[in-house]
Amino acid sequence: MCRINNFIPILTLLMHISSNEAGRRTCGGTYTAARGILATPNFPGPFDVPIRCQWVIDSSSAAYGSGNTSIIVYFTQLFTFEGLTFTEYQLYGNDYKINPKLIHKVNETNVFRTRWVQSYQSYLVIELKMQSSESAHICVLDKFLDTYGFNITYEITTGGVRSPSCTMMDCGFTGICFDHYT
């Protein structure tokens, strides 16, 4: 089954994604860099299901400075409308998970409305859990373009949310939509 959204004909921009870039994506991991890109395996193509991936963004490093540090995730290209959650933790490790708080859960209602999520905790865990491919992609133009999963940009910053931020809604026909870093 395919979700059809004729409101987004701009998704033709995905046809410009190189197969090399898409093929390098892994399913999860821990990220400590100040900025990065997270994507589902084989983005924008289909991926095997069932799937369970977990990306941990760790801002606990002393390099990030004061308590004003936040983790911001921009939904640059989000085509999954179920099974994707964002949970913040004060402390996070293999043997412990302190003060978890679910801050966002992607669903059919908010997938096109929410542009970003922000956490002021030291750890943000992004989890993708899917049993079937029915909610893994959005179709546009009567199944002409099928896009699966997501390609999202994160940053660890002491500043605020950048405005405007790049999302699939405003990238136009310029090609792959990665949020630029200033």
Protein backbone atom coordinates (compact mmCIF):
# COMPACT_ATOMS: atom_id res chain seq x y z
CA MET A 1 0.00 0.00 0.00
CA CYS A 2 1.23 3.49 -0.75
CA ARG A 3 0.43 6.86 0.76
CA ILE A 4 -0.21 9.29 -2.08
CA ASN A 5 0.44 12.95 -1.53
CA ASN A 6 -0.07 15.09 -4.61
CA PHE A 7 0.72 18.18 -2.53
CA ILE A 8 4.43 17.44 -2.86
CA PRO A 9 5.34 17.27 -6.52
CA ILE A 10 8.71 18.78 -5.61
CA LEU A 11 9.87 15.30 -4.71
CA THR A 12 11.27 14.93 -8.18
CA LEU A 13 14.37 16.40 -6.59
CA LEU A 14 15.08 12.93 -5.26
CA MET A 15 15.85 11.67 -8.73
CA HIS A 16 19.16 13.53 -8.51
CA ILE A 17 20.55 11.60 -5.57
CA SER A 18 23.65 9.66 -6.47
CA SER A 19 23.61 5.96 -5.75
CA ASN A 20 27.03 6.21 -4.08
CA GLU A 21 25.75 8.63 -1.45
CA ALA A 22 22.66 6.56 -0.76
CA GLY A 23 24.60 3.30 -0.57
CA ARG A 24 26.87 4.52 2.23
CA ARG A 25 24.07 4.85 4.80
CA THR A 26 24.10 2.56 7.79
CA CYS A 27 21.36 1.54 10.14
CA GLY A 28 22.15 3.37 13.35
CA GLY A 29 25.24 4.24 15.33
CA THR A 30 26.55 6.80 17.80
CA TYR A 31 27.29 10.33 16.61
CA THR A 32 29.41 12.86 18.50
CA ALA A 33 30.30 15.29 15.69
CA ALA A 34 28.84 18.78 15.88
CA ARG A 35 26.88 18.18 12.67
CA GLY A 36 25.84 15.25 10.57
CA ILE A 37 23.37 13.50 8.35
CA LEU A 38 21.38 10.41 9.31
CA ALA A 39 19.53 8.30 6.76
CA THR A 40 17.82 4.99 6.38
CA PRO A 41 19.74 2.29 4.51
CA ASN A 42 19.60 2.74 0.73
CA PHE A 43 17.88 6.16 0.98
CA PRO A 44 15.83 7.16 -1.05
CA GLY A 45 15.30 3.57 -2.14
CA PRO A 46 13.50 0.81 -0.29
CA PHE A 47 15.05 -0.97 2.68
CA ASP A 48 14.47 -4.39 4.16
CA VAL A 49 11.76 -4.81 6.79
CA PRO A 50 11.33 -5.67 9.53
CA ILE A 51 13.91 -3.10 10.58
CA ARG A 52 15.14 -1.70 13.85
CA CYS A 53 17.73 1.07 13.79
CA GLN A 54 18.94 3.32 16.56
CA TRP A 55 20.96 6.50 16.11
CA VAL A 56 22.38 8.04 19.31
CA ILE A 57 23.44 11.68 19.17
CA ASP A 58 25.82 12.36 22.09
CA SER A 59 26.46 15.98 23.08
CA SER A 60 28.05 15.13 26.44
CA SER A 61 31.56 16.01 25.31
CA ALA A 62 33.21 18.94 27.11
CA ALA A 63 33.98 20.37 23.66
CA TYR A 64 30.41 21.59 23.40
CA GLY A 65 30.70 23.89 26.39
CA SER A 66 28.02 25.14 28.73
CA GLY A 67 24.59 23.90 29.70
CA ASN A 68 23.09 25.89 26.82
CA THR A 69 23.98 23.09 24.41
CA SER A 70 21.13 21.52 22.49
CA ILE A 71 20.68 18.88 19.83
CA ILE A 72 18.52 19.95 16.91
CA VAL A 73 17.30 17.53 14.25
CA TYR A 74 15.99 19.06 11.04
CA PHE A 75 13.58 16.91 9.00
CA THR A 76 15.23 17.66 5.69
CA GLN A 77 13.70 14.67 3.89
CA LEU A 78 11.26 12.68 5.98
CA PHE A 79 9.11 10.15 4.10
CA THR A 80 8.44 7.67 6.90
CA PHE A 81 5.17 8.33 8.67
CA GLU A 82 5.26 5.69 11.35
CA GLY A 83 7.71 3.87 13.62
CA LEU A 84 10.12 6.79 14.09
CA THR A 85 10.64 8.18 17.60
CA PHE A 86 12.89 10.77 19.25
CA THR A 87 13.71 10.20 22.93
CA GLU A 88 16.01 12.39 25.02
CA TYR A 89 18.11 11.13 27.93
CA GLN A 90 20.10 12.85 30.64
CA LEU A 91 22.58 9.95 30.63
CA TYR A 92 22.73 7.08 28.18
CA GLY A 93 24.91 4.00 28.00
CA ASN A 94 24.82 0.28 27.27
CA ASP A 95 23.93 -0.54 30.87
CA TYR A 96 21.94 2.55 31.85
CA LYS A 97 19.40 4.97 30.46
CA ILE A 98 18.64 7.87 32.82
CA ASN A 99 15.52 10.08 32.59
CA PRO A 100 14.10 9.09 29.20
CA LYS A 101 11.50 11.41 27.71
CA LEU A 102 9.79 10.85 24.37
CA ILE A 103 9.85 14.26 22.68
CA HIS A 104 8.47 13.37 19.24
CA LYS A 105 6.80 10.47 17.49
CA VAL A 106 6.30 10.74 13.74
CA ASN A 107 2.79 9.94 12.53
CA GLU A 108 0.52 10.61 9.56
CA THR A 109 -0.70 13.87 11.08
CA ASN A 110 2.64 15.54 11.84
CA VAL A 111 4.96 14.10 9.16
CA PHE A 112 4.53 17.17 6.94
CA ARG A 113 4.02 19.75 9.70
CA THR A 114 6.98 19.27 12.01
CA ARG A 115 10.19 20.84 10.66
CA TRP A 116 12.56 20.04 13.54
CA VAL A 117 12.89 18.71 17.10
CA GLN A 118 15.21 20.09 19.78
CA SER A 119 16.56 18.55 22.97
CA TYR A 120 18.49 20.22 25.77
CA GLN A 121 19.54 16.87 27.22
CA SER A 122 22.96 15.33 26.52
CA TYR A 123 21.64 12.41 24.48
CA LEU A 124 19.02 12.12 21.78
CA VAL A 125 18.08 8.65 20.58
CA ILE A 126 16.34 8.34 17.24
CA GLU A 127 14.76 4.95 16.76
CA LEU A 128 13.16 3.42 13.68
CA LYS A 129 11.08 0.28 14.22
CA MET A 130 8.99 -1.14 11.39
CA GLN A 131 7.44 -4.52 10.78
CA SER A 132 6.20 -3.84 7.24
CA SER A 133 6.95 -1.46 4.39
CA GLU A 134 3.45 0.06 4.35
CA SER A 135 4.54 3.06 6.43
CA ALA A 136 8.09 3.22 5.11
CA HIS A 137 7.41 5.48 2.16
CA ILE A 138 5.27 8.11 0.53
CA CYS A 139 4.28 7.99 -3.13
CA VAL A 140 3.75 11.03 -5.27
CA LEU A 141 2.52 11.66 -8.78
CA ASP A 142 0.47 8.45 -8.93
CA LYS A 143 3.37 6.19 -7.93
CA PHE A 144 5.76 7.85 -10.39
CA LEU A 145 8.15 8.62 -7.55
CA ASP A 146 8.51 6.31 -4.58
CA THR A 147 10.66 7.59 -1.77
CA TYR A 148 11.48 5.48 1.27
CA GLY A 149 12.76 6.32 4.73
CA PHE A 150 14.48 9.55 5.62
CA ASN A 151 17.53 11.74 5.27
CA ILE A 152 17.72 14.11 8.23
CA THR A 153 20.29 16.63 9.40
CA TYR A 154 21.34 17.15 13.01
CA GLU A 155 23.53 19.64 14.82
CA ILE A 156 24.81 20.10 18.33
CA THR A 157 24.81 23.80 19.06
CA THR A 158 24.70 26.55 21.67
CA GLY A 159 22.61 28.63 19.25
CA GLY A 160 18.97 28.33 18.40
CA VAL A 161 17.07 26.70 15.59
CA ARG A 162 18.13 28.05 12.21
CA SER A 163 15.46 29.80 10.25
CA PRO A 164 14.60 29.05 7.62
CA SER A 165 15.61 25.42 7.78
CA CYS A 166 15.61 23.28 4.67
CA THR A 167 12.90 20.66 4.40
CA MET A 168 11.45 18.71 1.51
CA MET A 169 8.63 21.25 1.49
CA ASP A 170 10.92 24.09 0.43
CA CYS A 171 13.85 22.56 -1.45
CA GLY A 172 12.25 22.86 -4.86
CA PHE A 173 13.97 21.22 -7.81
CA THR A 174 17.50 21.93 -6.61
CA GLY A 175 18.53 18.32 -6.04
CA ILE A 176 19.28 16.51 -2.82
CA CYS A 177 18.08 18.38 0.22
CA PHE A 178 20.80 18.57 2.85
CA ASP A 179 20.52 21.40 5.33
CA HIS A 180 23.52 23.69 4.98
CA TYR A 181 25.77 24.48 7.90
CA THR A 182 26.62 28.04 8.77
